[in-house]
Amino acid sequence: MYQLCAAPNRTHGAPLAFPSCNPPVQQSPFLTVGTPDANGAAANSVGSVRFDAVIGTPGPPEDSDIGIAVNVSDVRCTPSESASVCGAANSPGGPDYSGQLTLSGSIRATDHDNASSDPVNPVTMQDIPLIGPVVPQCQTTADLGIGGRCSLVTTVNAAIAPGAIKDGRRTSWELGNVTVADAGADGDAHTGAGNQFLTTGVFIP
């Protein structure tokens, strides 16, 4: 993810003829991915967040849930970074990253079991933030051409909002944008807020 272009010094070619900054400046001073024009490494990074309905058995205990699976590949320390969470150098590009990341975003859940005309049980709408415990851990890889791999498998009830998903209840979900932040110089997501590193969207070079 890159900083906003506040002081353009060139213009894109047609048909995207609008001001741009060269070179673009990353939001995170600690993490990067393989990109041929910035560090000579191949563009191999892929990131995904997957939500799966877990259908439980009606009746106690409550065992319905929503599974969350996070995967981000080719995560590297910037070449100038030498923290303990930075492994051996890749060829080319920065070293593998073995610290943590933090996911942020929101889920808007609408309860369809009730009716808006019912004064006792109106339709509920709740925004659930994806913050805090949604912390993927990164590991180094043996491949010197690709950076670290970050992953996490958890559930909404376990990590975000305990008791939010119940047996036999139907909801409609609207998902907001998901952003991923670095964990600062020490790679620990619990010691303070980091800088935005990845976000959903379209990048125009």
N, C-alpha and C. Protein backbone atom coordinates (compact mmCIF):
# COMPACT_ATOMS: atom_id res chain seq x y z
N MET A 1 0.85 -1.18 0.00
CA MET A 1 0.00 0.00 0.00
C MET A 1 0.89 1.24 0.00
N TYR A 2 0.50 2.25 -0.78
CA TYR A 2 1.33 3.43 -0.96
C TYR A 2 0.68 4.68 -0.37
N GLN A 3 1.53 5.64 -0.03
CA GLN A 3 1.04 6.90 0.50
C GLN A 3 0.33 7.69 -0.61
N LEU A 4 -0.59 8.59 -0.20
CA LEU A 4 -1.26 9.45 -1.17
C LEU A 4 -0.23 10.34 -1.87
N CYS A 5 -0.50 10.61 -3.13
CA CYS A 5 0.40 11.44 -3.93
C CYS A 5 0.04 12.90 -3.69
N ALA A 6 0.72 13.53 -2.72
CA ALA A 6 0.41 14.91 -2.35
C ALA A 6 1.16 15.93 -3.19
N ALA A 7 2.30 15.54 -3.76
CA ALA A 7 3.09 16.48 -4.56
C ALA A 7 3.50 15.80 -5.88
N PRO A 8 2.59 15.74 -6.86
CA PRO A 8 2.87 15.06 -8.13
C PRO A 8 4.09 15.65 -8.83
N ASN A 9 4.88 14.76 -9.45
CA ASN A 9 6.03 15.23 -10.22
C ASN A 9 6.05 14.69 -11.65
N ARG A 10 4.96 14.03 -12.04
CA ARG A 10 4.82 13.60 -13.43
C ARG A 10 3.36 13.31 -13.71
N THR A 11 3.03 12.93 -14.95
CA THR A 11 1.65 12.67 -15.34
C THR A 11 1.56 11.32 -16.01
N HIS A 12 0.53 10.55 -15.66
CA HIS A 12 0.27 9.27 -16.34
C HIS A 12 -0.01 9.51 -17.81
N GLY A 13 0.32 8.51 -18.62
CA GLY A 13 -0.03 8.58 -20.03
C GLY A 13 -1.50 8.29 -20.24
N ALA A 14 -2.00 8.64 -21.41
CA ALA A 14 -3.39 8.38 -21.77
C ALA A 14 -3.66 6.88 -21.76
N PRO A 15 -4.86 6.44 -21.41
CA PRO A 15 -6.04 7.27 -21.09
C PRO A 15 -6.11 7.69 -19.62
N LEU A 16 -5.10 7.32 -18.80
CA LEU A 16 -5.11 7.69 -17.38
C LEU A 16 -4.26 8.94 -17.18
N ALA A 17 -4.62 10.00 -17.87
CA ALA A 17 -3.82 11.22 -17.86
C ALA A 17 -4.14 12.08 -16.65
N PHE A 18 -3.55 11.72 -15.50
CA PHE A 18 -3.71 12.52 -14.30
C PHE A 18 -2.38 12.52 -13.55
N PRO A 19 -2.17 13.48 -12.66
CA PRO A 19 -0.87 13.61 -11.97
C PRO A 19 -0.53 12.37 -11.15
N SER A 20 0.78 12.09 -11.05
CA SER A 20 1.26 10.96 -10.27
C SER A 20 2.60 11.30 -9.63
N CYS A 21 3.03 10.45 -8.70
CA CYS A 21 4.30 10.64 -8.00
C CYS A 21 5.28 9.55 -8.40
N ASN A 22 6.51 9.93 -8.67
CA ASN A 22 7.55 8.98 -9.04
C ASN A 22 8.82 9.27 -8.23
N PRO A 23 9.26 8.31 -7.39
CA PRO A 23 8.68 6.99 -7.21
C PRO A 23 7.57 7.02 -6.17
N PRO A 24 6.64 6.04 -6.20
CA PRO A 24 5.63 5.96 -5.14
C PRO A 24 6.29 5.59 -3.82
N VAL A 25 5.71 6.04 -2.70
CA VAL A 25 6.27 5.79 -1.37
C VAL A 25 5.34 4.88 -0.59
N GLN A 26 5.87 3.78 -0.07
CA GLN A 26 5.05 2.83 0.69
C GLN A 26 4.58 3.41 2.01
N GLN A 27 3.41 2.93 2.46
CA GLN A 27 2.91 3.29 3.78
C GLN A 27 3.76 2.66 4.89
N SER A 28 4.12 1.40 4.70
CA SER A 28 4.90 0.69 5.72
C SER A 28 6.39 0.86 5.46
N PRO A 29 7.14 1.34 6.46
CA PRO A 29 8.59 1.43 6.30
C PRO A 29 9.30 0.10 6.60
N PHE A 30 8.54 -0.90 7.05
CA PHE A 30 9.14 -2.16 7.49
C PHE A 30 8.92 -3.33 6.53
N LEU A 31 7.75 -3.38 5.87
CA LEU A 31 7.40 -4.54 5.06
C LEU A 31 7.18 -4.17 3.60
N THR A 32 7.42 -5.15 2.75
CA THR A 32 7.17 -4.99 1.32
C THR A 32 6.88 -6.37 0.73
N VAL A 33 6.67 -6.42 -0.57
CA VAL A 33 6.49 -7.68 -1.30
C VAL A 33 7.38 -7.63 -2.53
N GLY A 34 7.51 -8.75 -3.19
CA GLY A 34 8.29 -8.77 -4.41
C GLY A 34 7.64 -7.92 -5.48
N THR A 35 8.40 -7.03 -6.09
CA THR A 35 7.89 -6.19 -7.18
C THR A 35 9.07 -5.81 -8.06
N PRO A 36 9.03 -6.16 -9.33
CA PRO A 36 10.20 -5.97 -10.21
C PRO A 36 10.71 -4.54 -10.29
N ASP A 37 9.80 -3.55 -10.28
CA ASP A 37 10.25 -2.17 -10.46
C ASP A 37 10.83 -1.56 -9.20
N ALA A 38 10.62 -2.16 -8.01
CA ALA A 38 11.10 -1.59 -6.75
C ALA A 38 12.29 -2.35 -6.16
N ASN A 39 12.24 -3.70 -6.22
CA ASN A 39 13.34 -4.44 -5.60
C ASN A 39 13.86 -5.58 -6.47
N GLY A 40 13.39 -5.66 -7.72
CA GLY A 40 13.91 -6.65 -8.65
C GLY A 40 13.36 -8.05 -8.48
N ALA A 41 12.55 -8.29 -7.45
CA ALA A 41 11.97 -9.62 -7.23
C ALA A 41 10.69 -9.79 -8.04
N ALA A 42 10.36 -11.02 -8.38
CA ALA A 42 9.14 -11.29 -9.13
C ALA A 42 7.91 -10.96 -8.30
N ALA A 43 6.83 -10.59 -8.97
CA ALA A 43 5.57 -10.26 -8.29
C ALA A 43 4.82 -11.55 -7.98
N ASN A 44 5.08 -12.11 -6.79
CA ASN A 44 4.47 -13.38 -6.40
C ASN A 44 3.48 -13.28 -5.25
N SER A 45 3.32 -12.10 -4.67
CA SER A 45 2.50 -11.99 -3.47
C SER A 45 1.01 -12.12 -3.79
N VAL A 46 0.33 -12.97 -3.00
CA VAL A 46 -1.11 -13.15 -3.10
C VAL A 46 -1.68 -13.13 -1.68
N GLY A 47 -2.74 -12.34 -1.46
CA GLY A 47 -3.37 -12.28 -0.15
C GLY A 47 -4.85 -12.58 -0.23
N SER A 48 -5.37 -13.30 0.75
CA SER A 48 -6.79 -13.64 0.75
C SER A 48 -7.31 -13.76 2.17
N VAL A 49 -8.61 -13.43 2.34
CA VAL A 49 -9.33 -13.66 3.58
C VAL A 49 -10.61 -14.40 3.20
N ARG A 50 -10.82 -15.57 3.77
CA ARG A 50 -11.98 -16.39 3.41
C ARG A 50 -12.86 -16.60 4.64
N PHE A 51 -14.18 -16.45 4.43
CA PHE A 51 -15.16 -16.68 5.49
C PHE A 51 -16.00 -17.90 5.11
N ASP A 52 -16.17 -18.85 6.03
CA ASP A 52 -16.94 -20.06 5.78
C ASP A 52 -17.98 -20.26 6.87
N ALA A 53 -19.19 -20.59 6.46
CA ALA A 53 -20.25 -20.91 7.43
C ALA A 53 -19.99 -22.30 8.02
N VAL A 54 -19.99 -22.36 9.36
CA VAL A 54 -19.84 -23.63 10.07
C VAL A 54 -21.20 -23.98 10.65
N ILE A 55 -21.86 -24.99 10.08
CA ILE A 55 -23.21 -25.37 10.49
C ILE A 55 -23.14 -26.36 11.65
N GLY A 56 -23.60 -25.93 12.81
CA GLY A 56 -23.57 -26.79 13.98
C GLY A 56 -24.83 -27.62 14.11
N THR A 57 -24.89 -28.42 15.16
CA THR A 57 -26.06 -29.25 15.47
C THR A 57 -27.00 -28.46 16.37
N PRO A 58 -28.29 -28.33 16.01
CA PRO A 58 -29.22 -27.57 16.86
C PRO A 58 -29.24 -28.08 18.29
N GLY A 59 -29.34 -27.14 19.22
CA GLY A 59 -29.33 -27.50 20.63
C GLY A 59 -27.96 -27.28 21.24
N PRO A 60 -27.94 -27.26 22.59
CA PRO A 60 -26.67 -27.02 23.26
C PRO A 60 -25.69 -28.17 23.02
N PRO A 61 -24.38 -27.87 22.99
CA PRO A 61 -23.79 -26.52 23.10
C PRO A 61 -23.86 -25.78 21.77
N GLU A 62 -23.73 -24.46 21.80
CA GLU A 62 -23.71 -23.67 20.58
C GLU A 62 -22.44 -24.00 19.79
N ASP A 63 -22.61 -24.63 18.62
CA ASP A 63 -21.42 -25.00 17.86
C ASP A 63 -21.44 -24.48 16.43
N SER A 64 -22.40 -23.62 16.08
CA SER A 64 -22.35 -22.95 14.79
C SER A 64 -21.34 -21.80 14.88
N ASP A 65 -20.75 -21.46 13.75
CA ASP A 65 -19.71 -20.42 13.78
C ASP A 65 -19.42 -19.96 12.36
N ILE A 66 -18.56 -18.98 12.23
CA ILE A 66 -18.05 -18.54 10.94
C ILE A 66 -16.54 -18.69 10.97
N GLY A 67 -16.01 -19.52 10.07
CA GLY A 67 -14.57 -19.72 10.01
C GLY A 67 -13.89 -18.60 9.24
N ILE A 68 -12.71 -18.23 9.66
CA ILE A 68 -11.91 -17.20 9.00
C ILE A 68 -10.54 -17.79 8.68
N ALA A 69 -10.16 -17.74 7.41
CA ALA A 69 -8.85 -18.23 6.98
C ALA A 69 -8.11 -17.10 6.26
N VAL A 70 -6.93 -16.76 6.75
CA VAL A 70 -6.13 -15.67 6.20
C VAL A 70 -4.83 -16.25 5.65
N ASN A 71 -4.46 -15.83 4.45
CA ASN A 71 -3.19 -16.24 3.86
C ASN A 71 -2.60 -15.08 3.07
N VAL A 72 -1.33 -14.77 3.32
CA VAL A 72 -0.60 -13.75 2.55
C VAL A 72 0.78 -14.31 2.25
N SER A 73 1.17 -14.30 0.99
CA SER A 73 2.46 -14.86 0.61
C SER A 73 3.45 -13.78 0.19
N ASP A 74 4.72 -14.15 0.17
CA ASP A 74 5.82 -13.30 -0.29
C ASP A 74 5.92 -11.99 0.50
N VAL A 75 5.86 -12.10 1.84
CA VAL A 75 5.99 -10.91 2.70
C VAL A 75 7.46 -10.78 3.09
N ARG A 76 8.03 -9.59 2.84
CA ARG A 76 9.46 -9.37 3.04
C ARG A 76 9.69 -8.14 3.91
N CYS A 77 10.79 -8.15 4.64
CA CYS A 77 11.25 -6.93 5.27
C CYS A 77 11.82 -6.03 4.18
N THR A 78 11.74 -4.73 4.37
CA THR A 78 12.39 -3.83 3.42
C THR A 78 13.90 -4.07 3.50
N PRO A 79 14.61 -3.85 2.40
CA PRO A 79 16.05 -4.16 2.38
C PRO A 79 16.86 -3.46 3.48
N SER A 80 16.40 -2.30 3.95
CA SER A 80 17.14 -1.57 4.98
C SER A 80 16.83 -2.06 6.39
N GLU A 81 15.83 -2.93 6.54
CA GLU A 81 15.40 -3.39 7.86
C GLU A 81 16.25 -4.59 8.30
N SER A 82 16.69 -4.60 9.57
CA SER A 82 17.54 -5.69 10.06
C SER A 82 17.07 -6.21 11.42
N ALA A 83 15.76 -6.16 11.68
CA ALA A 83 15.23 -6.62 12.96
C ALA A 83 15.34 -8.13 13.09
N SER A 84 15.11 -8.63 14.30
CA SER A 84 15.23 -10.07 14.55
C SER A 84 14.17 -10.88 13.80
N VAL A 85 13.09 -10.21 13.37
CA VAL A 85 12.04 -10.91 12.62
C VAL A 85 12.32 -10.94 11.12
N CYS A 86 13.51 -10.50 10.72
CA CYS A 86 13.92 -10.53 9.32
C CYS A 86 14.95 -11.64 9.14
N GLY A 87 14.66 -12.58 8.24
CA GLY A 87 15.53 -13.73 8.04
C GLY A 87 16.66 -13.45 7.06
N ALA A 88 17.17 -14.53 6.46
CA ALA A 88 18.25 -14.41 5.50
C ALA A 88 17.75 -13.69 4.24
N ALA A 89 18.66 -12.96 3.61
CA ALA A 89 18.29 -12.19 2.42
C ALA A 89 17.87 -13.09 1.28
N ASN A 90 16.89 -12.64 0.52
CA ASN A 90 16.49 -13.33 -0.70
C ASN A 90 17.33 -12.80 -1.85
N SER A 91 17.27 -13.48 -2.96
CA SER A 91 18.02 -13.05 -4.14
C SER A 91 17.08 -13.01 -5.34
N PRO A 92 16.58 -11.84 -5.72
CA PRO A 92 16.80 -10.52 -5.12
C PRO A 92 15.69 -10.19 -4.13
N GLY A 93 15.68 -8.94 -3.67
CA GLY A 93 14.62 -8.45 -2.79
C GLY A 93 14.98 -8.58 -1.32
N GLY A 94 14.12 -8.04 -0.45
CA GLY A 94 14.35 -8.05 0.98
C GLY A 94 14.20 -9.43 1.60
N PRO A 95 14.67 -9.61 2.84
CA PRO A 95 14.60 -10.91 3.52
C PRO A 95 13.19 -11.30 3.94
N ASP A 96 13.00 -12.59 4.18
CA ASP A 96 11.71 -13.11 4.67
C ASP A 96 11.34 -12.43 5.99
N TYR A 97 10.03 -12.20 6.16
CA TYR A 97 9.51 -11.63 7.40
C TYR A 97 8.89 -12.75 8.23
N SER A 98 9.20 -12.77 9.54
CA SER A 98 8.67 -13.83 10.41
C SER A 98 7.95 -13.28 11.63
N GLY A 99 7.48 -12.03 11.55
CA GLY A 99 6.71 -11.45 12.64
C GLY A 99 5.21 -11.63 12.44
N GLN A 100 4.43 -10.69 12.93
CA GLN A 100 2.97 -10.76 12.86
C GLN A 100 2.41 -9.65 11.99
N LEU A 101 1.15 -9.82 11.58
CA LEU A 101 0.37 -8.81 10.89
C LEU A 101 -0.92 -8.60 11.68
N THR A 102 -1.65 -7.52 11.38
CA THR A 102 -2.94 -7.28 12.02
C THR A 102 -3.98 -6.96 10.96
N LEU A 103 -5.10 -7.72 10.97
CA LEU A 103 -6.20 -7.46 10.05
C LEU A 103 -7.19 -6.50 10.67
N SER A 104 -7.69 -5.57 9.87
CA SER A 104 -8.76 -4.67 10.29
C SER A 104 -9.83 -4.65 9.22
N GLY A 105 -11.05 -4.37 9.62
CA GLY A 105 -12.17 -4.32 8.69
C GLY A 105 -13.46 -4.39 9.48
N SER A 106 -14.55 -4.67 8.81
CA SER A 106 -15.83 -4.76 9.52
C SER A 106 -16.78 -5.70 8.79
N ILE A 107 -17.67 -6.28 9.58
CA ILE A 107 -18.78 -7.10 9.07
C ILE A 107 -20.07 -6.46 9.55
N ARG A 108 -21.01 -6.20 8.66
CA ARG A 108 -22.33 -5.72 9.06
C ARG A 108 -23.30 -6.90 8.99
N ALA A 109 -23.75 -7.32 10.16
CA ALA A 109 -24.63 -8.48 10.26
C ALA A 109 -26.06 -8.02 10.52
N THR A 110 -27.00 -8.47 9.67
CA THR A 110 -28.41 -8.13 9.80
C THR A 110 -29.20 -9.38 10.15
N ASP A 111 -29.96 -9.33 11.24
CA ASP A 111 -30.73 -10.46 11.73
C ASP A 111 -32.03 -10.56 10.96
N HIS A 112 -32.23 -11.67 10.25
CA HIS A 112 -33.45 -11.85 9.45
C HIS A 112 -34.48 -12.72 10.17
N ASP A 113 -34.22 -13.09 11.42
CA ASP A 113 -35.19 -13.91 12.14
C ASP A 113 -36.34 -13.08 12.69
N ASN A 114 -36.14 -11.78 12.85
CA ASN A 114 -37.15 -10.91 13.42
C ASN A 114 -37.69 -9.96 12.36
N ALA A 115 -38.77 -9.29 12.67
CA ALA A 115 -39.38 -8.37 11.71
C ALA A 115 -39.32 -6.95 12.23
N SER A 116 -39.16 -5.98 11.33
CA SER A 116 -39.06 -4.58 11.75
C SER A 116 -40.37 -4.09 12.36
N SER A 117 -41.47 -4.76 12.06
CA SER A 117 -42.76 -4.36 12.61
C SER A 117 -42.99 -4.88 14.02
N ASP A 118 -42.12 -5.74 14.50
CA ASP A 118 -42.24 -6.32 15.84
C ASP A 118 -41.54 -5.39 16.83
N PRO A 119 -42.28 -4.69 17.73
CA PRO A 119 -41.64 -3.75 18.65
C PRO A 119 -40.76 -4.41 19.70
N VAL A 120 -41.00 -5.71 19.94
CA VAL A 120 -40.22 -6.42 20.95
C VAL A 120 -38.92 -6.96 20.36
N ASN A 121 -38.99 -7.51 19.15
CA ASN A 121 -37.82 -8.09 18.51
C ASN A 121 -37.63 -7.48 17.12
N PRO A 122 -37.20 -6.23 17.05
CA PRO A 122 -36.99 -5.60 15.74
C PRO A 122 -35.78 -6.19 15.04
N VAL A 123 -35.69 -5.95 13.74
CA VAL A 123 -34.51 -6.38 12.99
C VAL A 123 -33.28 -5.69 13.59
N THR A 124 -32.26 -6.46 13.86
CA THR A 124 -31.04 -5.88 14.42
C THR A 124 -29.98 -5.75 13.34
N MET A 125 -29.15 -4.73 13.45
CA MET A 125 -28.04 -4.53 12.53
C MET A 125 -26.81 -4.20 13.37
N GLN A 126 -25.78 -5.03 13.27
CA GLN A 126 -24.61 -4.88 14.12
C GLN A 126 -23.35 -4.85 13.27
N ASP A 127 -22.50 -3.84 13.51
CA ASP A 127 -21.19 -3.79 12.87
C ASP A 127 -20.18 -4.46 13.78
N ILE A 128 -19.54 -5.52 13.28
CA ILE A 128 -18.55 -6.26 14.06
C ILE A 128 -17.17 -5.93 13.49
N PRO A 129 -16.28 -5.32 14.28
CA PRO A 129 -14.96 -4.99 13.77
C PRO A 129 -14.04 -6.20 13.73
N LEU A 130 -13.22 -6.27 12.69
CA LEU A 130 -12.19 -7.30 12.60
C LEU A 130 -10.89 -6.69 13.10
N ILE A 131 -10.66 -6.71 14.39
CA ILE A 131 -9.47 -6.10 14.95
C ILE A 131 -8.89 -6.97 16.05
N GLY A 132 -7.73 -6.57 16.56
CA GLY A 132 -7.15 -7.19 17.74
C GLY A 132 -6.71 -8.62 17.54
N PRO A 133 -7.55 -9.62 17.92
CA PRO A 133 -7.10 -11.00 17.87
C PRO A 133 -6.88 -11.55 16.46
N VAL A 134 -7.31 -10.83 15.41
CA VAL A 134 -7.10 -11.33 14.05
C VAL A 134 -5.67 -11.00 13.66
N VAL A 135 -4.73 -11.83 14.11
CA VAL A 135 -3.30 -11.56 13.96
C VAL A 135 -2.62 -12.76 13.29
N PRO A 136 -2.44 -12.73 11.98
CA PRO A 136 -1.71 -13.81 11.31
C PRO A 136 -0.24 -13.82 11.72
N GLN A 137 0.32 -15.01 11.85
CA GLN A 137 1.75 -15.18 12.14
C GLN A 137 2.47 -15.54 10.85
N CYS A 138 3.62 -14.93 10.62
CA CYS A 138 4.39 -15.17 9.40
C CYS A 138 5.56 -16.11 9.69
N GLN A 139 5.93 -16.88 8.69
CA GLN A 139 7.03 -17.83 8.77
C GLN A 139 7.95 -17.65 7.57
N THR A 140 9.24 -17.88 7.76
CA THR A 140 10.16 -17.82 6.64
C THR A 140 9.96 -19.04 5.74
N THR A 141 10.40 -18.91 4.50
CA THR A 141 10.33 -20.03 3.55
C THR A 141 11.75 -20.38 3.10
N ALA A 142 11.92 -21.59 2.59
CA ALA A 142 13.24 -22.04 2.13
C ALA A 142 13.59 -21.47 0.77
N ASP A 143 12.60 -21.02 0.02
CA ASP A 143 12.81 -20.50 -1.34
C ASP A 143 13.44 -19.11 -1.27
N LEU A 144 14.62 -18.93 -1.85
CA LEU A 144 15.30 -17.63 -1.84
C LEU A 144 14.72 -16.65 -2.85
N GLY A 145 13.71 -17.07 -3.58
CA GLY A 145 13.07 -16.18 -4.55
C GLY A 145 11.72 -15.68 -4.09
N ILE A 146 11.30 -16.07 -2.88
CA ILE A 146 9.98 -15.64 -2.39
C ILE A 146 10.09 -15.37 -0.89
N GLY A 147 9.32 -14.42 -0.40
CA GLY A 147 9.39 -14.02 1.01
C GLY A 147 8.59 -14.93 1.92
N GLY A 148 8.33 -14.44 3.13
CA GLY A 148 7.63 -15.21 4.14
C GLY A 148 6.16 -15.43 3.82
N ARG A 149 5.58 -16.42 4.50
CA ARG A 149 4.15 -16.73 4.33
C ARG A 149 3.44 -16.51 5.66
N CYS A 150 2.34 -15.75 5.61
CA CYS A 150 1.58 -15.41 6.82
C CYS A 150 0.21 -16.07 6.76
N SER A 151 -0.24 -16.65 7.87
CA SER A 151 -1.51 -17.36 7.85
C SER A 151 -2.16 -17.36 9.22
N LEU A 152 -3.45 -17.58 9.21
CA LEU A 152 -4.24 -17.70 10.44
C LEU A 152 -5.54 -18.42 10.11
N VAL A 153 -5.93 -19.36 10.97
CA VAL A 153 -7.23 -20.02 10.87
C VAL A 153 -7.92 -19.85 12.22
N THR A 154 -9.07 -19.18 12.23
CA THR A 154 -9.79 -18.95 13.47
C THR A 154 -11.28 -18.85 13.16
N THR A 155 -12.10 -18.40 14.12
CA THR A 155 -13.53 -18.23 13.91
C THR A 155 -13.99 -16.93 14.54
N VAL A 156 -15.18 -16.49 14.16
CA VAL A 156 -15.77 -15.27 14.73
C VAL A 156 -15.99 -15.44 16.23
N ASN A 157 -16.57 -16.56 16.65
CA ASN A 157 -16.84 -16.77 18.07
C ASN A 157 -15.56 -16.86 18.90
N ALA A 158 -14.51 -17.40 18.30
CA ALA A 158 -13.26 -17.59 19.06
C ALA A 158 -12.45 -16.32 19.15
N ALA A 159 -12.45 -15.50 18.09
CA ALA A 159 -11.48 -14.41 18.03
C ALA A 159 -12.07 -13.01 17.98
N ILE A 160 -13.33 -12.87 17.59
CA ILE A 160 -13.84 -11.52 17.35
C ILE A 160 -14.99 -11.17 18.29
N ALA A 161 -16.06 -11.94 18.25
CA ALA A 161 -17.24 -11.62 19.05
C ALA A 161 -17.83 -12.92 19.61
N PRO A 162 -17.35 -13.38 20.77
CA PRO A 162 -17.85 -14.64 21.35
C PRO A 162 -19.37 -14.62 21.50
N GLY A 163 -20.02 -15.69 21.03
CA GLY A 163 -21.46 -15.80 21.12
C GLY A 163 -22.23 -15.11 20.02
N ALA A 164 -21.54 -14.49 19.05
CA ALA A 164 -22.24 -13.77 17.98
C ALA A 164 -22.95 -14.71 17.01
N ILE A 165 -22.37 -15.89 16.77
CA ILE A 165 -22.96 -16.86 15.85
C ILE A 165 -23.62 -17.96 16.66
N LYS A 166 -24.93 -18.15 16.45
CA LYS A 166 -25.71 -19.11 17.24
C LYS A 166 -26.39 -20.14 16.34
N ASP A 167 -26.69 -21.29 16.93
CA ASP A 167 -27.38 -22.35 16.20
C ASP A 167 -28.75 -21.88 15.74
N GLY A 168 -29.13 -22.26 14.52
CA GLY A 168 -30.48 -22.03 14.03
C GLY A 168 -30.84 -20.59 13.77
N ARG A 169 -29.86 -19.68 13.71
CA ARG A 169 -30.12 -18.26 13.46
C ARG A 169 -29.56 -17.89 12.09
N ARG A 170 -30.35 -17.10 11.34
CA ARG A 170 -29.96 -16.72 9.99
C ARG A 170 -29.65 -15.23 9.93
N THR A 171 -28.50 -14.89 9.34
CA THR A 171 -28.12 -13.49 9.20
C THR A 171 -27.63 -13.24 7.78
N SER A 172 -27.70 -11.98 7.40
CA SER A 172 -27.15 -11.54 6.12
C SER A 172 -25.95 -10.66 6.42
N TRP A 173 -24.84 -10.95 5.77
CA TRP A 173 -23.59 -10.23 6.05
C TRP A 173 -23.20 -9.32 4.90
N GLU A 174 -22.75 -8.12 5.25
CA GLU A 174 -22.12 -7.22 4.29
C GLU A 174 -20.68 -7.01 4.75
N LEU A 175 -19.72 -7.30 3.88
CA LEU A 175 -18.31 -7.22 4.25
C LEU A 175 -17.71 -5.90 3.77
N GLY A 176 -17.01 -5.19 4.65
CA GLY A 176 -16.31 -3.98 4.28
C GLY A 176 -14.90 -4.29 3.79
N ASN A 177 -14.16 -3.25 3.42
CA ASN A 177 -12.78 -3.44 2.99
C ASN A 177 -11.94 -3.99 4.13
N VAL A 178 -10.99 -4.84 3.78
CA VAL A 178 -10.06 -5.40 4.75
C VAL A 178 -8.70 -4.76 4.53
N THR A 179 -8.07 -4.29 5.59
CA THR A 179 -6.71 -3.77 5.51
C THR A 179 -5.80 -4.59 6.42
N VAL A 180 -4.54 -4.63 6.06
CA VAL A 180 -3.54 -5.37 6.83
C VAL A 180 -2.44 -4.39 7.22
N ALA A 181 -2.07 -4.38 8.50
CA ALA A 181 -1.02 -3.50 9.00
C ALA A 181 0.19 -4.31 9.41
N ASP A 182 1.38 -3.67 9.33
CA ASP A 182 2.58 -4.31 9.87
C ASP A 182 2.52 -4.25 11.40
N ALA A 183 3.50 -4.83 12.07
CA ALA A 183 3.51 -4.87 13.53
C ALA A 183 4.66 -4.04 14.10
N GLY A 184 5.11 -3.06 13.34
CA GLY A 184 6.19 -2.22 13.82
C GLY A 184 7.54 -2.91 13.72
N ALA A 185 8.56 -2.27 14.28
CA ALA A 185 9.93 -2.74 14.13
C ALA A 185 10.17 -4.08 14.82
N ASP A 186 9.42 -4.38 15.90
CA ASP A 186 9.67 -5.63 16.63
C ASP A 186 8.83 -6.80 16.12
N GLY A 187 7.91 -6.55 15.18
CA GLY A 187 7.11 -7.64 14.62
C GLY A 187 6.03 -8.16 15.54
N ASP A 188 5.76 -7.48 16.67
CA ASP A 188 4.77 -7.92 17.64
C ASP A 188 3.53 -7.04 17.53
N ALA A 189 2.41 -7.63 17.08
CA ALA A 189 1.18 -6.87 16.86
C ALA A 189 0.56 -6.36 18.15
N HIS A 190 0.98 -6.87 19.30
CA HIS A 190 0.36 -6.50 20.57
C HIS A 190 1.07 -5.36 21.29
N THR A 191 2.17 -4.86 20.72
CA THR A 191 2.91 -3.79 21.39
C THR A 191 2.56 -2.41 20.86
N GLY A 192 1.64 -2.33 19.93
CA GLY A 192 1.24 -1.02 19.42
C GLY A 192 0.74 -1.12 17.99
N ALA A 193 0.08 -0.04 17.56
CA ALA A 193 -0.48 -0.01 16.21
C ALA A 193 0.63 0.09 15.18
N GLY A 194 0.41 -0.57 14.03
CA GLY A 194 1.39 -0.53 12.96
C GLY A 194 0.95 0.36 11.81
N ASN A 195 1.70 0.30 10.73
CA ASN A 195 1.41 1.06 9.52
C ASN A 195 0.66 0.19 8.54
N GLN A 196 -0.26 0.76 7.79
CA GLN A 196 -0.99 -0.01 6.79
C GLN A 196 -0.02 -0.57 5.77
N PHE A 197 -0.22 -1.85 5.46
CA PHE A 197 0.69 -2.57 4.57
C PHE A 197 -0.04 -3.05 3.31
N LEU A 198 -1.23 -3.61 3.47
CA LEU A 198 -2.03 -4.10 2.35
C LEU A 198 -3.47 -3.63 2.51
N THR A 199 -4.19 -3.53 1.39
CA THR A 199 -5.61 -3.23 1.44
C THR A 199 -6.27 -3.81 0.18
N THR A 200 -7.57 -4.04 0.26
CA THR A 200 -8.30 -4.48 -0.92
C THR A 200 -8.43 -3.31 -1.89
N GLY A 201 -8.36 -3.57 -3.17
CA GLY A 201 -8.48 -2.49 -4.15
C GLY A 201 -7.73 -2.82 -5.42
N VAL A 202 -7.65 -1.83 -6.28
CA VAL A 202 -6.97 -1.96 -7.57
C VAL A 202 -5.82 -0.96 -7.61
N PHE A 203 -4.62 -1.45 -7.90
CA PHE A 203 -3.45 -0.58 -7.99
C PHE A 203 -3.15 -0.29 -9.45
N ILE A 204 -3.03 0.99 -9.80
CA ILE A 204 -2.68 1.41 -11.17
C ILE A 204 -1.24 1.91 -11.15
N PRO A 205 -0.29 1.20 -11.78
CA PRO A 205 1.11 1.61 -11.75
C PRO A 205 1.35 2.87 -12.60
